[in-house]
Amino acid sequence: MCQIVENYQGGAKGAQATQPKATQLVVGAVLVDDLRQPMRFLAAQRAYPAQLRGQWEFPGGKVEPGEVPQAALARELREELDIVVKIGVEVTPDKSLSTWPLKPGLEMRVWLVSTDRPEIRPGTSHMQVKWVTPVQALDLNWLAPDLPIVRQIIKLMAAGQGKCVQS
């Protein structure tokens, strides 16, 4: 059975995010249809900036100073998609790394999340959102830094490990 961290509704602040001062931490959500047996996940198509418009990504955003990463994730999803989420396991590149490199000075932590909301609509930062299967996900034009995460999610789902553990 998958351990769910908790239902995040607030942007509670607490322990400092563990990161070097020169690195900005970003959080991302792999919103799945079911934390216990995910079959699909949500892809979001960027509306801006112009050079990223039309590319696909995982929703999320920057962690504010003093904010716990999971609280930042919940806040970002509430702001971007107007949803309250249950946060599941963290998806890491491998057992020795906890963050995904985005570009110099920017790293991302990613979690599986779910929501009880049946319909999800994009906010102003996205042109559209859609549920995709692993096969469908490979046909999308993902932002380059998100593509390794997509591949890891597909690998976890194929191994039946998307629900609770990472490989």
C-alpha atoms as a PDB file:
ATOM      1  CA  MET A   1       0.000   0.000   0.000  1.00  0.00           C
ATOM      2  CA  CYS A   2       1.296   3.432  -0.889  1.00  0.00           C
ATOM      3  CA  GLN A   3       2.066   5.861   1.876  1.00  0.00           C
ATOM      4  CA  ILE A   4       0.513   9.223   1.187  1.00  0.00           C
ATOM      5  CA  VAL A   5       2.278  12.128   2.794  1.00  0.00           C
ATOM      6  CA  GLU A   6      -0.858  14.155   3.499  1.00  0.00           C
ATOM      7  CA  ASN A   7      -3.550  16.312   1.957  1.00  0.00           C
ATOM      8  CA  TYR A   8      -1.854  19.651   1.424  1.00  0.00           C
ATOM      9  CA  GLN A   9      -4.162  22.631   1.432  1.00  0.00           C
ATOM     10  CA  GLY A  10      -2.024  25.377   2.833  1.00  0.00           C
ATOM     11  CA  GLY A  11       1.310  26.860   1.983  1.00  0.00           C
ATOM     12  CA  ALA A  12       2.746  26.068   5.399  1.00  0.00           C
ATOM     13  CA  LYS A  13       6.311  27.122   5.922  1.00  0.00           C
ATOM     14  CA  GLY A  14       8.712  25.315   8.159  1.00  0.00           C
ATOM     15  CA  ALA A  15      12.090  23.687   7.827  1.00  0.00           C
ATOM     16  CA  GLN A  16      14.410  25.282   5.340  1.00  0.00           C
ATOM     17  CA  ALA A  17      14.766  23.567   1.987  1.00  0.00           C
ATOM     18  CA  THR A  18      18.110  21.764   1.871  1.00  0.00           C
ATOM     19  CA  GLN A  19      20.003  23.356  -0.988  1.00  0.00           C
ATOM     20  CA  PRO A  20      23.063  25.459  -1.650  1.00  0.00           C
ATOM     21  CA  LYS A  21      22.321  29.178  -1.737  1.00  0.00           C
ATOM     22  CA  ALA A  22      23.456  29.420  -5.371  1.00  0.00           C
ATOM     23  CA  THR A  23      20.880  26.834  -6.437  1.00  0.00           C
ATOM     24  CA  GLN A  24      17.170  27.607  -6.794  1.00  0.00           C
ATOM     25  CA  LEU A  25      14.973  24.635  -5.996  1.00  0.00           C
ATOM     26  CA  VAL A  26      11.946  23.967  -8.188  1.00  0.00           C
ATOM     27  CA  VAL A  27       9.245  21.396  -7.441  1.00  0.00           C
ATOM     28  CA  GLY A  28       7.319  19.420 -10.027  1.00  0.00           C
ATOM     29  CA  ALA A  29       4.241  17.217  -9.888  1.00  0.00           C
ATOM     30  CA  VAL A  30       3.569  14.041 -11.773  1.00  0.00           C
ATOM     31  CA  LEU A  31      -0.191  14.150 -11.298  1.00  0.00           C
ATOM     32  CA  VAL A  32      -1.361  10.562 -11.708  1.00  0.00           C
ATOM     33  CA  ASP A  33      -4.857   9.143 -12.006  1.00  0.00           C
ATOM     34  CA  ASP A  34      -4.241   6.811  -9.032  1.00  0.00           C
ATOM     35  CA  LEU A  35      -1.324   6.827  -6.584  1.00  0.00           C
ATOM     36  CA  ARG A  36      -1.692   3.102  -5.969  1.00  0.00           C
ATOM     37  CA  GLN A  37      -1.853   1.978  -9.612  1.00  0.00           C
ATOM     38  CA  PRO A  38      -1.132   4.865 -11.964  1.00  0.00           C
ATOM     39  CA  MET A  39      -2.102   4.343 -15.586  1.00  0.00           C
ATOM     40  CA  ARG A  40      -2.019   7.966 -16.817  1.00  0.00           C
ATOM     41  CA  PHE A  41      -0.410  11.227 -15.812  1.00  0.00           C
ATOM     42  CA  LEU A  42      -1.091  14.881 -16.536  1.00  0.00           C
ATOM     43  CA  ALA A  43       0.952  16.818 -19.073  1.00  0.00           C
ATOM     44  CA  ALA A  44       0.750  20.614 -19.181  1.00  0.00           C
ATOM     45  CA  GLN A  45       1.476  22.673 -22.303  1.00  0.00           C
ATOM     46  CA  ARG A  46       3.327  25.932 -21.617  1.00  0.00           C
ATOM     47  CA  ALA A  47       1.678  29.207 -22.607  1.00  0.00           C
ATOM     48  CA  TYR A  48       4.762  31.378 -22.025  1.00  0.00           C
ATOM     49  CA  PRO A  49       7.499  32.527 -22.332  1.00  0.00           C
ATOM     50  CA  ALA A  50       7.571  32.615 -26.122  1.00  0.00           C
ATOM     51  CA  GLN A  51      10.595  30.309 -26.451  1.00  0.00           C
ATOM     52  CA  LEU A  52       8.826  27.605 -24.379  1.00  0.00           C
ATOM     53  CA  ARG A  53       5.286  28.143 -25.659  1.00  0.00           C
ATOM     54  CA  GLY A  54       3.691  24.918 -26.874  1.00  0.00           C
ATOM     55  CA  GLN A  55       6.145  22.599 -25.129  1.00  0.00           C
ATOM     56  CA  TRP A  56       4.982  20.164 -22.458  1.00  0.00           C
ATOM     57  CA  GLU A  57       6.019  19.998 -18.824  1.00  0.00           C
ATOM     58  CA  PHE A  58       5.027  18.838 -15.375  1.00  0.00           C
ATOM     59  CA  PRO A  59       3.211  21.507 -13.353  1.00  0.00           C
ATOM     60  CA  GLY A  60       5.100  23.059 -10.466  1.00  0.00           C
ATOM     61  CA  GLY A  61       7.248  26.027  -9.614  1.00  0.00           C
ATOM     62  CA  LYS A  62       9.898  27.598  -7.430  1.00  0.00           C
ATOM     63  CA  VAL A  63      10.248  26.979  -3.713  1.00  0.00           C
ATOM     64  CA  GLU A  64      10.068  30.234  -1.771  1.00  0.00           C
ATOM     65  CA  PRO A  65      12.658  31.002   0.944  1.00  0.00           C
ATOM     66  CA  GLY A  66      11.814  29.072   4.118  1.00  0.00           C
ATOM     67  CA  GLU A  67       9.172  26.960   2.383  1.00  0.00           C
ATOM     68  CA  VAL A  68       9.136  23.175   2.679  1.00  0.00           C
ATOM     69  CA  PRO A  69       9.315  21.656  -0.840  1.00  0.00           C
ATOM     70  CA  GLN A  70       6.106  19.617  -0.456  1.00  0.00           C
ATOM     71  CA  ALA A  71       4.243  22.703   0.749  1.00  0.00           C
ATOM     72  CA  ALA A  72       5.608  24.628  -2.249  1.00  0.00           C
ATOM     73  CA  LEU A  73       4.355  21.877  -4.539  1.00  0.00           C
ATOM     74  CA  ALA A  74       0.884  22.000  -3.007  1.00  0.00           C
ATOM     75  CA  ARG A  75       0.850  25.811  -3.273  1.00  0.00           C
ATOM     76  CA  GLU A  76       1.962  25.795  -6.912  1.00  0.00           C
ATOM     77  CA  LEU A  77      -0.694  23.243  -7.897  1.00  0.00           C
ATOM     78  CA  ARG A  78      -3.354  25.228  -6.090  1.00  0.00           C
ATOM     79  CA  GLU A  79      -2.231  28.406  -7.895  1.00  0.00           C
ATOM     80  CA  GLU A  80      -1.735  26.852 -11.361  1.00  0.00           C
ATOM     81  CA  LEU A  81      -4.524  24.270 -11.526  1.00  0.00           C
ATOM     82  CA  ASP A  82      -6.809  25.145  -8.587  1.00  0.00           C
ATOM     83  CA  ILE A  83      -6.443  21.671  -7.067  1.00  0.00           C
ATOM     84  CA  VAL A  84      -5.669  20.206  -3.657  1.00  0.00           C
ATOM     85  CA  VAL A  85      -3.381  17.191  -3.859  1.00  0.00           C
ATOM     86  CA  LYS A  86      -2.287  14.106  -2.000  1.00  0.00           C
ATOM     87  CA  ILE A  87       1.466  13.804  -2.250  1.00  0.00           C
ATOM     88  CA  GLY A  88       2.928  10.353  -2.778  1.00  0.00           C
ATOM     89  CA  VAL A  89       6.513   9.251  -3.250  1.00  0.00           C
ATOM     90  CA  GLU A  90       9.325  11.345  -4.593  1.00  0.00           C
ATOM     91  CA  VAL A  91      10.649  10.425  -8.030  1.00  0.00           C
ATOM     92  CA  THR A  92      14.432  10.677  -8.136  1.00  0.00           C
ATOM     93  CA  PRO A  93      16.941  10.243 -10.962  1.00  0.00           C
ATOM     94  CA  ASP A  94      18.594   7.373  -9.087  1.00  0.00           C
ATOM     95  CA  LYS A  95      19.402   6.290  -5.545  1.00  0.00           C
ATOM     96  CA  SER A  96      22.361   8.660  -5.250  1.00  0.00           C
ATOM     97  CA  LEU A  97      20.626  11.820  -6.501  1.00  0.00           C
ATOM     98  CA  SER A  98      17.585  13.588  -5.099  1.00  0.00           C
ATOM     99  CA  THR A  99      17.240  16.376  -7.659  1.00  0.00           C
ATOM    100  CA  TRP A 100      16.845  16.650 -11.420  1.00  0.00           C
ATOM    101  CA  PRO A 101      19.133  19.227 -13.090  1.00  0.00           C
ATOM    102  CA  LEU A 102      17.227  21.844 -15.084  1.00  0.00           C
ATOM    103  CA  LYS A 103      19.966  24.315 -15.967  1.00  0.00           C
ATOM    104  CA  PRO A 104      22.916  25.819 -14.074  1.00  0.00           C
ATOM    105  CA  GLY A 105      21.653  27.095 -10.733  1.00  0.00           C
ATOM    106  CA  LEU A 106      18.244  25.411 -11.038  1.00  0.00           C
ATOM    107  CA  GLU A 107      17.328  21.925  -9.797  1.00  0.00           C
ATOM    108  CA  MET A 108      13.979  20.170  -9.461  1.00  0.00           C
ATOM    109  CA  ARG A 109      12.488  17.682  -7.033  1.00  0.00           C
ATOM    110  CA  VAL A 110       9.488  15.710  -8.301  1.00  0.00           C
ATOM    111  CA  TRP A 111       6.661  13.834  -6.558  1.00  0.00           C
ATOM    112  CA  LEU A 112       3.789  11.652  -7.646  1.00  0.00           C
ATOM    113  CA  VAL A 113       0.553  13.370  -6.639  1.00  0.00           C
ATOM    114  CA  SER A 114      -3.165  12.785  -7.043  1.00  0.00           C
ATOM    115  CA  THR A 115      -6.330  14.806  -6.630  1.00  0.00           C
ATOM    116  CA  ASP A 116     -10.001  14.041  -6.160  1.00  0.00           C
ATOM    117  CA  ARG A 117     -10.994  16.711  -8.678  1.00  0.00           C
ATOM    118  CA  PRO A 118     -12.479  14.952 -11.733  1.00  0.00           C
ATOM    119  CA  GLU A 119     -11.743  17.716 -14.243  1.00  0.00           C
ATOM    120  CA  ILE A 120      -8.569  19.755 -14.324  1.00  0.00           C
ATOM    121  CA  ARG A 121      -8.355  23.001 -16.245  1.00  0.00           C
ATOM    122  CA  PRO A 122      -5.223  24.929 -17.105  1.00  0.00           C
ATOM    123  CA  GLY A 123      -4.495  28.243 -15.474  1.00  0.00           C
ATOM    124  CA  THR A 124      -2.845  31.171 -17.209  1.00  0.00           C
ATOM    125  CA  SER A 125       0.607  29.548 -17.364  1.00  0.00           C
ATOM    126  CA  HIS A 126      -0.587  26.654 -19.538  1.00  0.00           C
ATOM    127  CA  MET A 127      -2.421  26.497 -22.867  1.00  0.00           C
ATOM    128  CA  GLN A 128      -3.877  23.099 -22.074  1.00  0.00           C
ATOM    129  CA  VAL A 129      -3.504  20.076 -19.843  1.00  0.00           C
ATOM    130  CA  LYS A 130      -4.230  16.503 -20.772  1.00  0.00           C
ATOM    131  CA  TRP A 131      -4.055  13.024 -19.325  1.00  0.00           C
ATOM    132  CA  VAL A 132      -1.605  10.795 -21.176  1.00  0.00           C
ATOM    133  CA  THR A 133      -0.577   7.172 -21.057  1.00  0.00           C
ATOM    134  CA  PRO A 134       3.142   6.374 -21.122  1.00  0.00           C
ATOM    135  CA  VAL A 135       2.949   5.671 -24.872  1.00  0.00           C
ATOM    136  CA  GLN A 136       1.094   8.936 -25.574  1.00  0.00           C
ATOM    137  CA  ALA A 137       3.586  10.871 -23.449  1.00  0.00           C
ATOM    138  CA  LEU A 138       6.420   9.953 -25.795  1.00  0.00           C
ATOM    139  CA  ASP A 139       4.627  11.702 -28.667  1.00  0.00           C
ATOM    140  CA  LEU A 140       4.628  15.089 -26.902  1.00  0.00           C
ATOM    141  CA  ASN A 141       7.247  17.807 -27.335  1.00  0.00           C
ATOM    142  CA  TRP A 142       8.518  17.932 -23.730  1.00  0.00           C
ATOM    143  CA  LEU A 143      10.796  20.599 -22.326  1.00  0.00           C
ATOM    144  CA  ALA A 144      14.292  19.094 -22.505  1.00  0.00           C
ATOM    145  CA  PRO A 145      14.819  19.004 -18.702  1.00  0.00           C
ATOM    146  CA  ASP A 146      11.484  17.192 -18.182  1.00  0.00           C
ATOM    147  CA  LEU A 147      12.175  14.424 -20.701  1.00  0.00           C
ATOM    148  CA  PRO A 148      14.403  12.339 -18.363  1.00  0.00           C
ATOM    149  CA  ILE A 149      11.629  12.565 -15.751  1.00  0.00           C
ATOM    150  CA  VAL A 150       9.082  11.350 -18.309  1.00  0.00           C
ATOM    151  CA  ARG A 151      11.337   8.395 -19.101  1.00  0.00           C
ATOM    152  CA  GLN A 152      11.762   7.583 -15.403  1.00  0.00           C
ATOM    153  CA  ILE A 153       7.988   7.719 -14.828  1.00  0.00           C
ATOM    154  CA  ILE A 154       7.391   5.421 -17.799  1.00  0.00           C
ATOM    155  CA  LYS A 155      10.005   3.015 -16.450  1.00  0.00           C
ATOM    156  CA  LEU A 156       8.414   3.031 -12.991  1.00  0.00           C
ATOM    157  CA  MET A 157       4.914   2.530 -14.377  1.00  0.00           C
ATOM    158  CA  ALA A 158       6.068  -0.326 -16.632  1.00  0.00           C
ATOM    159  CA  ALA A 159       7.720  -2.032 -13.670  1.00  0.00           C
ATOM    160  CA  GLY A 160       4.601  -1.552 -11.549  1.00  0.00           C
ATOM    161  CA  GLN A 161       6.632   0.594  -9.191  1.00  0.00           C
ATOM    162  CA  GLY A 162       4.988   3.937  -9.863  1.00  0.00           C
ATOM    163  CA  LYS A 163       2.783   3.427  -6.863  1.00  0.00           C
ATOM    164  CA  CYS A 164       5.242   3.384  -3.992  1.00  0.00           C
ATOM    165  CA  VAL A 165       8.894   2.884  -4.771  1.00  0.00           C
ATOM    166  CA  GLN A 166      11.570   4.061  -7.119  1.00  0.00           C
ATOM    167  CA  SER A 167      14.008   1.788  -8.886  1.00  0.00           C
END
